[in-house]
Amino acid sequence: MFRLALILLFLPTLAAADWSPRPTMFNYDATFARCIQDPSLPDLAASCSDAIATDYSLKRAVARAVYLCADSQLLTCTIPFEDEGLPAIAVRIAIDSGCENSDVSSTGNWDKFDDNHCVTVASDIMIDEGVVPLDTDISCRNDLDDCGFIAFLNVGFWIDLILPIADDDPVVLDLHRRNITDCMVDKFTPISELYSRWAVDCVSERHAALWVDITLNSEQDN
């Protein structure tokens, strides 16, 4: 998908480090689907980015706790979850459902937790219950930490949403190309600036506006 290809552009720039959760390790399909349910909401692109950030902070907290429980039985390892402000009962429910409990530290920056992994299942349960972890801070110091990667994930969702429509409509395809061109600076700009968070946020905003226009007009026609 486009969003993975976009993020992979930055692979050579990331230095090896001790394992820690990254935004790219988690699936946000359900997050984005919830976000676009009401196309009349203002600032939809920014709202979806915020929704991804919110769900990431919860998923990150679950992954941290599971990581600290690596040498313990997950069913009885409750303190790391309590330290993150998470209800251990959600983990018990996930385990009772038969979730996969493989070593989280083997998940790399470019891998995603399987849908059946205990991190994924427990996170989904907590999101449905409205759980908020103690640590909701998102790092925004540069384009290669939390905020940057969330922006890249968000723009991928919007492009993936527009492209199927563009395939059937040359006008939409032209607008899609114009959005990319207008938001991205010229070809001589260094790659680190070409795919800056400002640029991808710009593409998200323009594609969101295009999708909203198409969706609302379609609803009026029906």
N, C-alpha and C. Protein backbone atom coordinates (compact mmCIF):
# COMPACT_ATOMS: atom_id res chain seq x y z
N MET A 1 0.84 -1.19 0.00
CA MET A 1 0.00 0.00 0.00
C MET A 1 0.88 1.25 0.00
N PHE A 2 0.31 2.35 -0.41
CA PHE A 2 1.09 3.59 -0.55
C PHE A 2 1.75 3.98 0.74
N ARG A 3 1.01 3.89 1.87
CA ARG A 3 1.57 4.40 3.12
C ARG A 3 2.82 3.65 3.55
N LEU A 4 2.88 2.33 3.29
CA LEU A 4 4.08 1.57 3.64
C LEU A 4 5.25 1.98 2.75
N ALA A 5 4.98 2.15 1.45
CA ALA A 5 6.05 2.56 0.54
C ALA A 5 6.61 3.93 0.92
N LEU A 6 5.73 4.83 1.33
CA LEU A 6 6.16 6.17 1.72
C LEU A 6 7.06 6.11 2.95
N ILE A 7 6.66 5.34 3.94
CA ILE A 7 7.43 5.26 5.19
C ILE A 7 8.78 4.58 4.95
N LEU A 8 8.81 3.58 4.06
CA LEU A 8 10.04 2.86 3.81
C LEU A 8 11.14 3.75 3.22
N LEU A 9 10.75 4.90 2.67
CA LEU A 9 11.75 5.84 2.16
C LEU A 9 12.72 6.27 3.26
N PHE A 10 12.28 6.19 4.49
CA PHE A 10 13.09 6.69 5.60
C PHE A 10 13.90 5.58 6.28
N LEU A 11 13.78 4.36 5.78
CA LEU A 11 14.46 3.23 6.41
C LEU A 11 15.96 3.45 6.60
N PRO A 12 16.71 3.94 5.63
CA PRO A 12 18.15 4.09 5.83
C PRO A 12 18.52 5.11 6.90
N THR A 13 17.61 5.99 7.27
CA THR A 13 17.95 7.07 8.20
C THR A 13 17.77 6.68 9.67
N LEU A 14 17.17 5.51 9.91
CA LEU A 14 16.89 5.12 11.29
C LEU A 14 18.05 4.30 11.85
N ALA A 15 18.55 4.71 12.98
CA ALA A 15 19.63 3.97 13.62
C ALA A 15 19.06 2.85 14.47
N ALA A 16 19.84 1.79 14.63
CA ALA A 16 19.42 0.68 15.48
C ALA A 16 19.34 1.15 16.93
N ALA A 17 18.38 0.63 17.64
CA ALA A 17 18.19 1.04 19.04
C ALA A 17 17.53 -0.11 19.79
N ASP A 18 17.49 0.01 21.12
CA ASP A 18 16.76 -0.97 21.91
C ASP A 18 15.31 -0.97 21.48
N TRP A 19 14.67 -2.13 21.63
CA TRP A 19 13.29 -2.26 21.15
C TRP A 19 12.36 -1.32 21.92
N SER A 20 11.51 -0.65 21.18
CA SER A 20 10.45 0.14 21.77
C SER A 20 9.34 0.23 20.73
N PRO A 21 8.08 0.41 21.15
CA PRO A 21 6.98 0.49 20.18
C PRO A 21 7.11 1.70 19.28
N ARG A 22 6.71 1.52 18.03
CA ARG A 22 6.69 2.60 17.04
C ARG A 22 5.29 2.66 16.43
N PRO A 23 4.86 3.81 15.94
CA PRO A 23 3.52 3.89 15.34
C PRO A 23 3.30 2.90 14.20
N THR A 24 4.37 2.58 13.46
CA THR A 24 4.24 1.70 12.30
C THR A 24 4.01 0.24 12.66
N MET A 25 4.11 -0.12 13.93
CA MET A 25 3.92 -1.51 14.34
C MET A 25 2.45 -1.90 14.49
N PHE A 26 1.56 -0.92 14.42
CA PHE A 26 0.16 -1.19 14.74
C PHE A 26 -0.75 -0.92 13.56
N ASN A 27 -1.90 -1.56 13.58
CA ASN A 27 -2.89 -1.39 12.52
C ASN A 27 -3.92 -0.33 12.94
N TYR A 28 -4.23 0.60 12.04
CA TYR A 28 -5.17 1.68 12.35
C TYR A 28 -6.37 1.70 11.39
N ASP A 29 -6.61 0.58 10.71
CA ASP A 29 -7.73 0.54 9.76
C ASP A 29 -9.05 0.88 10.45
N ALA A 30 -9.29 0.28 11.62
CA ALA A 30 -10.54 0.54 12.34
C ALA A 30 -10.59 1.98 12.83
N THR A 31 -9.44 2.53 13.23
CA THR A 31 -9.36 3.93 13.67
C THR A 31 -9.79 4.85 12.55
N PHE A 32 -9.25 4.63 11.37
CA PHE A 32 -9.56 5.50 10.24
C PHE A 32 -11.02 5.34 9.80
N ALA A 33 -11.50 4.10 9.83
CA ALA A 33 -12.90 3.86 9.45
C ALA A 33 -13.85 4.61 10.37
N ARG A 34 -13.54 4.62 11.67
CA ARG A 34 -14.38 5.37 12.61
C ARG A 34 -14.30 6.86 12.33
N CYS A 35 -13.11 7.32 11.96
CA CYS A 35 -12.88 8.76 11.77
C CYS A 35 -13.68 9.32 10.61
N ILE A 36 -13.84 8.55 9.54
CA ILE A 36 -14.50 9.09 8.34
C ILE A 36 -16.00 8.78 8.30
N GLN A 37 -16.55 8.27 9.40
CA GLN A 37 -17.97 7.96 9.41
C GLN A 37 -18.84 9.20 9.19
N ASP A 38 -18.35 10.35 9.65
CA ASP A 38 -19.11 11.60 9.47
C ASP A 38 -18.28 12.56 8.62
N PRO A 39 -18.49 12.55 7.30
CA PRO A 39 -17.67 13.42 6.43
C PRO A 39 -17.95 14.90 6.60
N SER A 40 -18.98 15.26 7.35
CA SER A 40 -19.29 16.68 7.54
C SER A 40 -18.49 17.32 8.66
N LEU A 41 -17.72 16.53 9.40
CA LEU A 41 -16.92 17.09 10.49
C LEU A 41 -15.84 18.02 9.94
N PRO A 42 -15.56 19.12 10.62
CA PRO A 42 -14.50 20.03 10.16
C PRO A 42 -13.11 19.46 10.41
N ASP A 43 -12.14 19.89 9.61
CA ASP A 43 -10.74 19.49 9.78
C ASP A 43 -10.60 17.97 9.88
N LEU A 44 -11.18 17.27 8.92
CA LEU A 44 -11.24 15.81 8.99
C LEU A 44 -9.85 15.17 8.96
N ALA A 45 -8.96 15.68 8.13
CA ALA A 45 -7.62 15.11 8.06
C ALA A 45 -6.90 15.22 9.40
N ALA A 46 -6.99 16.39 10.03
CA ALA A 46 -6.36 16.58 11.34
C ALA A 46 -7.03 15.71 12.40
N SER A 47 -8.34 15.56 12.30
CA SER A 47 -9.07 14.73 13.26
C SER A 47 -8.63 13.27 13.16
N CYS A 48 -8.43 12.80 11.93
CA CYS A 48 -8.00 11.41 11.75
C CYS A 48 -6.57 11.21 12.25
N SER A 49 -5.72 12.21 12.03
CA SER A 49 -4.36 12.13 12.55
C SER A 49 -4.37 12.07 14.07
N ASP A 50 -5.22 12.88 14.70
CA ASP A 50 -5.35 12.87 16.16
C ASP A 50 -5.88 11.53 16.65
N ALA A 51 -6.82 10.96 15.90
CA ALA A 51 -7.40 9.66 16.29
C ALA A 51 -6.34 8.57 16.24
N ILE A 52 -5.49 8.61 15.20
CA ILE A 52 -4.40 7.64 15.10
C ILE A 52 -3.43 7.82 16.28
N ALA A 53 -3.11 9.07 16.61
CA ALA A 53 -2.21 9.35 17.74
C ALA A 53 -2.79 8.84 19.05
N THR A 54 -4.09 9.05 19.25
CA THR A 54 -4.75 8.59 20.48
C THR A 54 -4.69 7.07 20.60
N ASP A 55 -5.04 6.39 19.50
CA ASP A 55 -5.02 4.93 19.55
C ASP A 55 -3.59 4.40 19.64
N TYR A 56 -2.65 5.11 19.02
CA TYR A 56 -1.25 4.69 19.14
C TYR A 56 -0.77 4.74 20.58
N SER A 57 -1.13 5.78 21.32
CA SER A 57 -0.66 5.89 22.71
C SER A 57 -1.17 4.72 23.55
N LEU A 58 -2.39 4.25 23.26
CA LEU A 58 -2.95 3.10 23.97
C LEU A 58 -2.25 1.82 23.54
N LYS A 59 -2.10 1.62 22.24
CA LYS A 59 -1.44 0.42 21.72
C LYS A 59 0.01 0.35 22.20
N ARG A 60 0.68 1.50 22.23
CA ARG A 60 2.06 1.57 22.70
C ARG A 60 2.15 1.14 24.17
N ALA A 61 1.21 1.60 24.99
CA ALA A 61 1.21 1.24 26.40
C ALA A 61 1.02 -0.26 26.59
N VAL A 62 0.13 -0.85 25.81
CA VAL A 62 -0.09 -2.30 25.89
C VAL A 62 1.17 -3.04 25.48
N ALA A 63 1.80 -2.61 24.38
CA ALA A 63 3.01 -3.28 23.91
C ALA A 63 4.14 -3.16 24.93
N ARG A 64 4.27 -2.00 25.55
CA ARG A 64 5.29 -1.84 26.59
C ARG A 64 5.08 -2.83 27.73
N ALA A 65 3.84 -2.94 28.17
CA ALA A 65 3.54 -3.83 29.29
C ALA A 65 3.80 -5.29 28.91
N VAL A 66 3.37 -5.68 27.71
CA VAL A 66 3.61 -7.05 27.27
C VAL A 66 5.11 -7.32 27.16
N TYR A 67 5.86 -6.34 26.71
CA TYR A 67 7.31 -6.48 26.60
C TYR A 67 7.93 -6.75 27.98
N LEU A 68 7.48 -6.01 28.99
CA LEU A 68 8.02 -6.19 30.34
C LEU A 68 7.58 -7.51 30.95
N CYS A 69 6.53 -8.10 30.42
CA CYS A 69 6.05 -9.39 30.92
C CYS A 69 6.67 -10.56 30.18
N ALA A 70 7.68 -10.30 29.37
CA ALA A 70 8.21 -11.33 28.48
C ALA A 70 8.67 -12.58 29.22
N ASP A 71 9.20 -12.42 30.42
CA ASP A 71 9.71 -13.57 31.16
C ASP A 71 8.69 -14.11 32.16
N SER A 72 7.48 -13.65 32.06
CA SER A 72 6.44 -14.07 32.99
C SER A 72 5.25 -14.63 32.24
N GLN A 73 4.38 -15.28 32.97
CA GLN A 73 3.11 -15.70 32.40
C GLN A 73 2.25 -14.45 32.25
N LEU A 74 1.82 -14.17 31.03
CA LEU A 74 1.07 -12.94 30.76
C LEU A 74 -0.20 -12.86 31.61
N LEU A 75 -0.79 -14.01 31.89
CA LEU A 75 -2.04 -14.04 32.64
C LEU A 75 -1.87 -13.50 34.05
N THR A 76 -0.70 -13.71 34.64
CA THR A 76 -0.47 -13.29 36.02
C THR A 76 0.45 -12.07 36.13
N CYS A 77 0.90 -11.54 35.00
CA CYS A 77 1.82 -10.40 35.00
C CYS A 77 0.99 -9.12 34.90
N THR A 78 0.61 -8.57 36.03
CA THR A 78 -0.33 -7.44 36.04
C THR A 78 0.33 -6.09 36.31
N ILE A 79 1.46 -6.09 37.03
CA ILE A 79 2.04 -4.81 37.47
C ILE A 79 2.42 -3.90 36.30
N PRO A 80 3.07 -4.40 35.23
CA PRO A 80 3.39 -3.50 34.11
C PRO A 80 2.15 -2.85 33.49
N PHE A 81 1.04 -3.56 33.46
CA PHE A 81 -0.19 -2.99 32.93
C PHE A 81 -0.74 -1.92 33.87
N GLU A 82 -0.69 -2.20 35.17
CA GLU A 82 -1.14 -1.21 36.15
C GLU A 82 -0.27 0.04 36.10
N ASP A 83 1.03 -0.14 35.89
CA ASP A 83 1.94 1.01 35.80
C ASP A 83 1.63 1.88 34.58
N GLU A 84 1.06 1.28 33.55
CA GLU A 84 0.67 2.04 32.35
C GLU A 84 -0.75 2.59 32.47
N GLY A 85 -1.43 2.29 33.58
CA GLY A 85 -2.81 2.74 33.76
C GLY A 85 -3.80 1.91 32.97
N LEU A 86 -3.48 0.63 32.74
CA LEU A 86 -4.32 -0.24 31.92
C LEU A 86 -4.99 -1.31 32.77
N PRO A 87 -6.21 -1.69 32.43
CA PRO A 87 -6.91 -2.74 33.17
C PRO A 87 -6.42 -4.12 32.76
N ALA A 88 -5.91 -4.88 33.71
CA ALA A 88 -5.39 -6.22 33.42
C ALA A 88 -6.49 -7.16 32.94
N ILE A 89 -7.74 -6.88 33.28
CA ILE A 89 -8.84 -7.74 32.88
C ILE A 89 -8.93 -7.85 31.36
N ALA A 90 -8.59 -6.78 30.65
CA ALA A 90 -8.63 -6.82 29.18
C ALA A 90 -7.62 -7.82 28.64
N VAL A 91 -6.48 -7.93 29.31
CA VAL A 91 -5.46 -8.88 28.89
C VAL A 91 -5.95 -10.30 29.14
N ARG A 92 -6.62 -10.51 30.27
CA ARG A 92 -7.16 -11.85 30.57
C ARG A 92 -8.19 -12.26 29.52
N ILE A 93 -9.04 -11.30 29.11
CA ILE A 93 -10.03 -11.59 28.08
C ILE A 93 -9.34 -11.95 26.77
N ALA A 94 -8.28 -11.21 26.44
CA ALA A 94 -7.54 -11.48 25.21
C ALA A 94 -6.92 -12.87 25.25
N ILE A 95 -6.36 -13.24 26.40
CA ILE A 95 -5.73 -14.55 26.55
C ILE A 95 -6.79 -15.65 26.46
N ASP A 96 -7.94 -15.42 27.08
CA ASP A 96 -9.02 -16.41 27.02
C ASP A 96 -9.51 -16.63 25.59
N SER A 97 -9.34 -15.61 24.74
CA SER A 97 -9.75 -15.75 23.34
C SER A 97 -8.73 -16.52 22.51
N GLY A 98 -7.59 -16.85 23.14
CA GLY A 98 -6.57 -17.62 22.45
C GLY A 98 -5.60 -16.77 21.64
N CYS A 99 -5.33 -15.56 22.10
CA CYS A 99 -4.45 -14.66 21.34
C CYS A 99 -3.02 -15.22 21.29
N GLU A 100 -2.32 -14.82 20.26
CA GLU A 100 -0.92 -15.22 20.07
C GLU A 100 -0.03 -14.38 20.98
N ASN A 101 0.86 -15.04 21.72
CA ASN A 101 1.72 -14.32 22.67
C ASN A 101 3.18 -14.50 22.30
N SER A 102 3.53 -14.17 21.05
CA SER A 102 4.92 -14.27 20.63
C SER A 102 5.73 -13.09 21.19
N ASP A 103 7.04 -13.23 21.15
CA ASP A 103 7.95 -12.22 21.70
C ASP A 103 7.79 -10.88 20.97
N VAL A 104 7.37 -9.85 21.68
CA VAL A 104 7.15 -8.55 21.03
C VAL A 104 8.45 -7.92 20.56
N SER A 105 9.56 -8.26 21.21
CA SER A 105 10.84 -7.63 20.85
C SER A 105 11.32 -8.07 19.48
N SER A 106 10.70 -9.12 18.92
CA SER A 106 11.07 -9.56 17.57
C SER A 106 10.33 -8.75 16.49
N THR A 107 9.43 -7.85 16.92
CA THR A 107 8.69 -7.01 15.98
C THR A 107 9.53 -5.80 15.65
N GLY A 108 9.91 -5.68 14.38
CA GLY A 108 10.76 -4.57 13.95
C GLY A 108 9.95 -3.35 13.59
N ASN A 109 10.64 -2.24 13.31
CA ASN A 109 9.98 -0.98 12.97
C ASN A 109 9.02 -1.12 11.79
N TRP A 110 9.33 -2.03 10.88
CA TRP A 110 8.55 -2.13 9.64
C TRP A 110 7.60 -3.31 9.65
N ASP A 111 7.57 -4.05 10.77
CA ASP A 111 6.63 -5.16 10.95
C ASP A 111 5.40 -4.66 11.67
N LYS A 112 4.31 -5.40 11.54
CA LYS A 112 3.10 -5.09 12.30
C LYS A 112 2.72 -6.29 13.14
N PHE A 113 2.15 -6.02 14.31
CA PHE A 113 1.61 -7.11 15.11
C PHE A 113 0.47 -7.76 14.35
N ASP A 114 0.42 -9.09 14.38
CA ASP A 114 -0.68 -9.81 13.75
C ASP A 114 -2.00 -9.43 14.41
N ASP A 115 -3.09 -9.57 13.65
CA ASP A 115 -4.41 -9.26 14.19
C ASP A 115 -4.75 -10.10 15.41
N ASN A 116 -4.13 -11.31 15.49
CA ASN A 116 -4.44 -12.21 16.59
C ASN A 116 -3.41 -12.12 17.72
N HIS A 117 -2.46 -11.21 17.62
CA HIS A 117 -1.47 -11.09 18.70
C HIS A 117 -2.14 -10.51 19.94
N CYS A 118 -1.66 -10.91 21.12
CA CYS A 118 -2.26 -10.44 22.37
C CYS A 118 -2.21 -8.92 22.49
N VAL A 119 -1.16 -8.29 21.95
CA VAL A 119 -1.08 -6.83 21.97
C VAL A 119 -2.25 -6.23 21.19
N THR A 120 -2.52 -6.79 20.01
CA THR A 120 -3.60 -6.28 19.16
C THR A 120 -4.97 -6.51 19.79
N VAL A 121 -5.20 -7.74 20.24
CA VAL A 121 -6.52 -8.08 20.79
C VAL A 121 -6.81 -7.29 22.06
N ALA A 122 -5.83 -7.23 22.97
CA ALA A 122 -6.02 -6.47 24.21
C ALA A 122 -6.21 -4.98 23.93
N SER A 123 -5.46 -4.45 22.96
CA SER A 123 -5.59 -3.02 22.60
C SER A 123 -6.99 -2.74 22.07
N ASP A 124 -7.49 -3.60 21.19
CA ASP A 124 -8.82 -3.41 20.61
C ASP A 124 -9.89 -3.42 21.70
N ILE A 125 -9.75 -4.32 22.66
CA ILE A 125 -10.71 -4.38 23.77
C ILE A 125 -10.69 -3.07 24.55
N MET A 126 -9.49 -2.57 24.85
CA MET A 126 -9.36 -1.34 25.64
C MET A 126 -9.85 -0.12 24.88
N ILE A 127 -9.61 -0.08 23.56
CA ILE A 127 -10.10 1.04 22.75
C ILE A 127 -11.62 1.05 22.76
N ASP A 128 -12.22 -0.13 22.62
CA ASP A 128 -13.69 -0.22 22.66
C ASP A 128 -14.25 0.23 24.00
N GLU A 129 -13.47 0.02 25.07
CA GLU A 129 -13.91 0.39 26.41
C GLU A 129 -13.55 1.83 26.76
N GLY A 130 -12.86 2.53 25.87
CA GLY A 130 -12.51 3.92 26.12
C GLY A 130 -11.37 4.10 27.12
N VAL A 131 -10.50 3.10 27.25
CA VAL A 131 -9.38 3.19 28.19
C VAL A 131 -8.37 4.24 27.71
N VAL A 132 -7.86 5.05 28.64
CA VAL A 132 -6.83 6.04 28.34
C VAL A 132 -5.60 5.73 29.19
N PRO A 133 -4.44 5.48 28.58
CA PRO A 133 -3.24 5.17 29.35
C PRO A 133 -2.72 6.40 30.10
N LEU A 134 -1.85 6.18 31.04
CA LEU A 134 -1.27 7.30 31.79
C LEU A 134 -0.38 8.17 30.90
N ASP A 135 0.36 7.53 29.99
CA ASP A 135 1.28 8.26 29.13
C ASP A 135 0.64 8.46 27.76
N THR A 136 0.22 9.68 27.49
CA THR A 136 -0.36 9.99 26.18
C THR A 136 0.52 10.96 25.38
N ASP A 137 1.73 11.22 25.88
CA ASP A 137 2.63 12.14 25.18
C ASP A 137 3.11 11.53 23.87
N ILE A 138 3.07 12.33 22.82
CA ILE A 138 3.55 11.90 21.51
C ILE A 138 4.74 12.76 21.14
N SER A 139 5.84 12.12 20.76
CA SER A 139 7.06 12.86 20.43
C SER A 139 6.92 13.55 19.07
N CYS A 140 7.20 14.86 19.04
CA CYS A 140 7.05 15.65 17.82
C CYS A 140 8.29 16.49 17.53
N ARG A 141 9.44 16.00 17.89
CA ARG A 141 10.65 16.80 17.74
C ARG A 141 11.11 16.89 16.29
N ASN A 142 10.85 15.84 15.51
CA ASN A 142 11.27 15.85 14.11
C ASN A 142 10.36 14.95 13.30
N ASP A 143 10.62 14.84 12.00
CA ASP A 143 9.74 14.09 11.11
C ASP A 143 9.91 12.58 11.22
N LEU A 144 10.88 12.12 11.99
CA LEU A 144 11.13 10.69 12.10
C LEU A 144 10.79 10.14 13.47
N ASP A 145 10.00 10.87 14.26
CA ASP A 145 9.51 10.28 15.49
C ASP A 145 7.99 10.19 15.41
N ASP A 146 7.32 10.09 16.55
CA ASP A 146 5.90 9.72 16.57
C ASP A 146 5.03 10.57 15.63
N CYS A 147 5.13 11.89 15.77
CA CYS A 147 4.27 12.76 14.96
C CYS A 147 4.52 12.59 13.47
N GLY A 148 5.78 12.46 13.09
CA GLY A 148 6.10 12.29 11.69
C GLY A 148 5.52 11.01 11.12
N PHE A 149 5.71 9.91 11.83
CA PHE A 149 5.21 8.64 11.33
C PHE A 149 3.69 8.59 11.31
N ILE A 150 3.05 9.22 12.28
CA ILE A 150 1.58 9.29 12.28
C ILE A 150 1.09 10.08 11.08
N ALA A 151 1.80 11.16 10.75
CA ALA A 151 1.45 11.94 9.56
C ALA A 151 1.59 11.10 8.30
N PHE A 152 2.65 10.30 8.21
CA PHE A 152 2.85 9.45 7.03
C PHE A 152 1.77 8.38 6.94
N LEU A 153 1.40 7.80 8.08
CA LEU A 153 0.32 6.80 8.09
C LEU A 153 -1.00 7.44 7.66
N ASN A 154 -1.26 8.63 8.16
CA ASN A 154 -2.51 9.32 7.85
C ASN A 154 -2.61 9.64 6.36
N VAL A 155 -1.54 10.17 5.78
CA VAL A 155 -1.60 10.53 4.36
C VAL A 155 -1.80 9.29 3.49
N GLY A 156 -1.24 8.17 3.93
CA GLY A 156 -1.44 6.92 3.18
C GLY A 156 -2.89 6.50 3.15
N PHE A 157 -3.58 6.65 4.28
CA PHE A 157 -5.01 6.31 4.33
C PHE A 157 -5.79 7.17 3.35
N TRP A 158 -5.51 8.48 3.31
CA TRP A 158 -6.26 9.37 2.43
C TRP A 158 -5.98 9.07 0.97
N ILE A 159 -4.73 8.78 0.63
CA ILE A 159 -4.41 8.46 -0.76
C ILE A 159 -5.05 7.13 -1.15
N ASP A 160 -5.01 6.14 -0.24
CA ASP A 160 -5.64 4.86 -0.51
C ASP A 160 -7.15 5.00 -0.69
N LEU A 161 -7.71 6.00 -0.05
CA LEU A 161 -9.15 6.24 -0.16
C LEU A 161 -9.51 6.89 -1.50
N ILE A 162 -8.65 7.77 -1.98
CA ILE A 162 -8.92 8.51 -3.22
C ILE A 162 -8.59 7.70 -4.47
N LEU A 163 -7.53 6.91 -4.43
CA LEU A 163 -7.06 6.25 -5.65
C LEU A 163 -8.11 5.36 -6.33
N PRO A 164 -8.89 4.55 -5.60
CA PRO A 164 -9.91 3.75 -6.29
C PRO A 164 -10.95 4.61 -7.01
N ILE A 165 -11.27 5.77 -6.44
CA ILE A 165 -12.20 6.69 -7.10
C ILE A 165 -11.54 7.30 -8.33
N ALA A 166 -10.26 7.64 -8.19
CA ALA A 166 -9.54 8.27 -9.30
C ALA A 166 -9.41 7.34 -10.50
N ASP A 167 -9.32 6.03 -10.26
CA ASP A 167 -9.20 5.08 -11.36
C ASP A 167 -10.42 5.13 -12.29
N ASP A 168 -11.57 5.51 -11.73
CA ASP A 168 -12.80 5.55 -12.52
C ASP A 168 -13.17 6.96 -12.98
N ASP A 169 -12.41 7.94 -12.55
CA ASP A 169 -12.78 9.32 -12.83
C ASP A 169 -11.52 10.13 -13.15
N PRO A 170 -11.30 10.47 -14.42
CA PRO A 170 -10.09 11.21 -14.79
C PRO A 170 -9.98 12.57 -14.12
N VAL A 171 -11.11 13.19 -13.80
CA VAL A 171 -11.08 14.48 -13.12
C VAL A 171 -10.49 14.32 -11.71
N VAL A 172 -10.95 13.29 -11.00
CA VAL A 172 -10.44 13.02 -9.65
C VAL A 172 -8.96 12.64 -9.72
N LEU A 173 -8.59 11.86 -10.73
CA LEU A 173 -7.18 11.48 -10.88
C LEU A 173 -6.31 12.72 -11.09
N ASP A 174 -6.79 13.64 -11.90
CA ASP A 174 -6.05 14.88 -12.13
C ASP A 174 -5.92 15.70 -10.85
N LEU A 175 -7.00 15.78 -10.08
CA LEU A 175 -6.95 16.51 -8.81
C LEU A 175 -6.00 15.83 -7.83
N HIS A 176 -6.00 14.51 -7.83
CA HIS A 176 -5.07 13.76 -6.97
C HIS A 176 -3.63 14.12 -7.32
N ARG A 177 -3.31 14.14 -8.60
CA ARG A 177 -1.95 14.46 -9.02
C ARG A 177 -1.59 15.91 -8.69
N ARG A 178 -2.55 16.81 -8.88
CA ARG A 178 -2.30 18.21 -8.58
C ARG A 178 -2.06 18.40 -7.08
N ASN A 179 -2.81 17.69 -6.25
CA ASN A 179 -2.62 17.78 -4.80
C ASN A 179 -1.20 17.37 -4.41
N ILE A 180 -0.74 16.26 -4.99
CA ILE A 180 0.61 15.79 -4.68
C ILE A 180 1.64 16.83 -5.14
N THR A 181 1.49 17.30 -6.38
CA THR A 181 2.44 18.25 -6.94
C THR A 181 2.47 19.56 -6.16
N ASP A 182 1.31 20.08 -5.83
CA ASP A 182 1.25 21.37 -5.13
C ASP A 182 1.84 21.29 -3.72
N CYS A 183 1.67 20.15 -3.08
CA CYS A 183 2.15 20.03 -1.70
C CYS A 183 3.63 19.68 -1.61
N MET A 184 4.14 18.98 -2.60
CA MET A 184 5.54 18.59 -2.59
C MET A 184 6.37 19.66 -3.30
N VAL A 185 7.50 20.01 -2.69
CA VAL A 185 8.34 21.04 -3.30
C VAL A 185 9.12 20.47 -4.48
N ASP A 186 9.93 21.31 -5.15
CA ASP A 186 10.51 20.90 -6.45
C ASP A 186 11.49 19.74 -6.32
N LYS A 187 11.82 19.15 -7.48
CA LYS A 187 12.58 17.90 -7.52
C LYS A 187 14.01 18.04 -7.01
N PHE A 188 14.50 19.27 -6.84
CA PHE A 188 15.87 19.45 -6.37
C PHE A 188 15.95 19.55 -4.83
N THR A 189 14.80 19.51 -4.20
CA THR A 189 14.78 19.59 -2.74
C THR A 189 15.24 18.27 -2.14
N PRO A 190 16.06 18.28 -1.10
CA PRO A 190 16.49 17.03 -0.46
C PRO A 190 15.29 16.19 -0.03
N ILE A 191 15.45 14.87 -0.08
CA ILE A 191 14.35 13.96 0.22
C ILE A 191 13.79 14.19 1.62
N SER A 192 14.65 14.57 2.57
CA SER A 192 14.19 14.79 3.94
C SER A 192 13.21 15.95 4.03
N GLU A 193 13.35 16.93 3.12
CA GLU A 193 12.42 18.06 3.11
C GLU A 193 11.23 17.77 2.20
N LEU A 194 11.47 17.02 1.11
CA LEU A 194 10.40 16.71 0.17
C LEU A 194 9.26 15.97 0.86
N TYR A 195 9.62 15.05 1.75
CA TYR A 195 8.61 14.30 2.47
C TYR A 195 8.52 14.77 3.93
N SER A 196 8.56 16.07 4.11
CA SER A 196 8.43 16.63 5.44
C SER A 196 7.01 16.43 5.96
N ARG A 197 6.84 16.58 7.27
CA ARG A 197 5.51 16.43 7.84
C ARG A 197 4.56 17.50 7.30
N TRP A 198 5.09 18.68 7.03
CA TRP A 198 4.25 19.73 6.45
C TRP A 198 3.68 19.27 5.11
N ALA A 199 4.54 18.66 4.28
CA ALA A 199 4.11 18.24 2.95
C ALA A 199 3.04 17.16 3.02
N VAL A 200 3.27 16.14 3.87
CA VAL A 200 2.29 15.05 3.93
C VAL A 200 1.00 15.52 4.58
N ASP A 201 1.08 16.43 5.56
CA ASP A 201 -0.15 16.99 6.13
C ASP A 201 -0.94 17.76 5.08
N CYS A 202 -0.21 18.47 4.22
CA CYS A 202 -0.85 19.21 3.13
C CYS A 202 -1.61 18.25 2.20
N VAL A 203 -0.97 17.13 1.83
CA VAL A 203 -1.63 16.15 0.96
C VAL A 203 -2.85 15.57 1.67
N SER A 204 -2.73 15.27 2.96
CA SER A 204 -3.87 14.73 3.72
C SER A 204 -5.04 15.69 3.69
N GLU A 205 -4.76 16.96 3.95
CA GLU A 205 -5.84 17.96 4.01
C GLU A 205 -6.53 18.10 2.66
N ARG A 206 -5.75 18.12 1.58
CA ARG A 206 -6.34 18.30 0.25
C ARG A 206 -7.12 17.06 -0.17
N HIS A 207 -6.59 15.88 0.13
CA HIS A 207 -7.30 14.65 -0.22
C HIS A 207 -8.56 14.49 0.63
N ALA A 208 -8.49 14.88 1.88
CA ALA A 208 -9.68 14.82 2.73
C ALA A 208 -10.77 15.72 2.18
N ALA A 209 -10.38 16.93 1.80
CA ALA A 209 -11.35 17.87 1.23
C ALA A 209 -11.96 17.33 -0.06
N LEU A 210 -11.13 16.69 -0.88
CA LEU A 210 -11.61 16.10 -2.13
C LEU A 210 -12.58 14.96 -1.84
N TRP A 211 -12.21 14.09 -0.90
CA TRP A 211 -13.08 12.95 -0.56
C TRP A 211 -14.41 13.43 0.03
N VAL A 212 -14.35 14.43 0.89
CA VAL A 212 -15.58 14.97 1.49
C VAL A 212 -16.49 15.52 0.40
N ASP A 213 -15.91 16.27 -0.54
CA ASP A 213 -16.69 16.86 -1.63
C ASP A 213 -17.37 15.76 -2.46
N ILE A 214 -16.61 14.73 -2.79
CA ILE A 214 -17.17 13.62 -3.58
C ILE A 214 -18.26 12.91 -2.79
N THR A 215 -18.01 12.64 -1.51
CA THR A 215 -18.95 11.89 -0.68
C THR A 215 -20.25 12.65 -0.47
N LEU A 216 -20.14 13.93 -0.10
CA LEU A 216 -21.34 14.71 0.16
C LEU A 216 -22.17 14.92 -1.12
N ASN A 217 -21.49 15.13 -2.24
CA ASN A 217 -22.21 15.27 -3.51
C ASN A 217 -22.90 13.98 -3.90
N SER A 218 -22.24 12.86 -3.61
CA SER A 218 -22.84 11.56 -3.90
C SER A 218 -24.09 11.33 -3.05
N GLU A 219 -24.02 11.73 -1.78
CA GLU A 219 -25.17 11.57 -0.89
C GLU A 219 -26.33 12.44 -1.35
N GLN A 220 -26.02 13.64 -1.85
CA GLN A 220 -27.08 14.54 -2.34
C GLN A 220 -27.74 13.98 -3.59
N ASP A 221 -26.92 13.35 -4.45
CA ASP A 221 -27.46 12.78 -5.68
C ASP A 221 -28.40 11.60 -5.40
N ASN A 222 -28.11 10.92 -4.28
CA ASN A 222 -28.95 9.77 -3.91
C ASN A 222 -30.17 10.21 -3.11
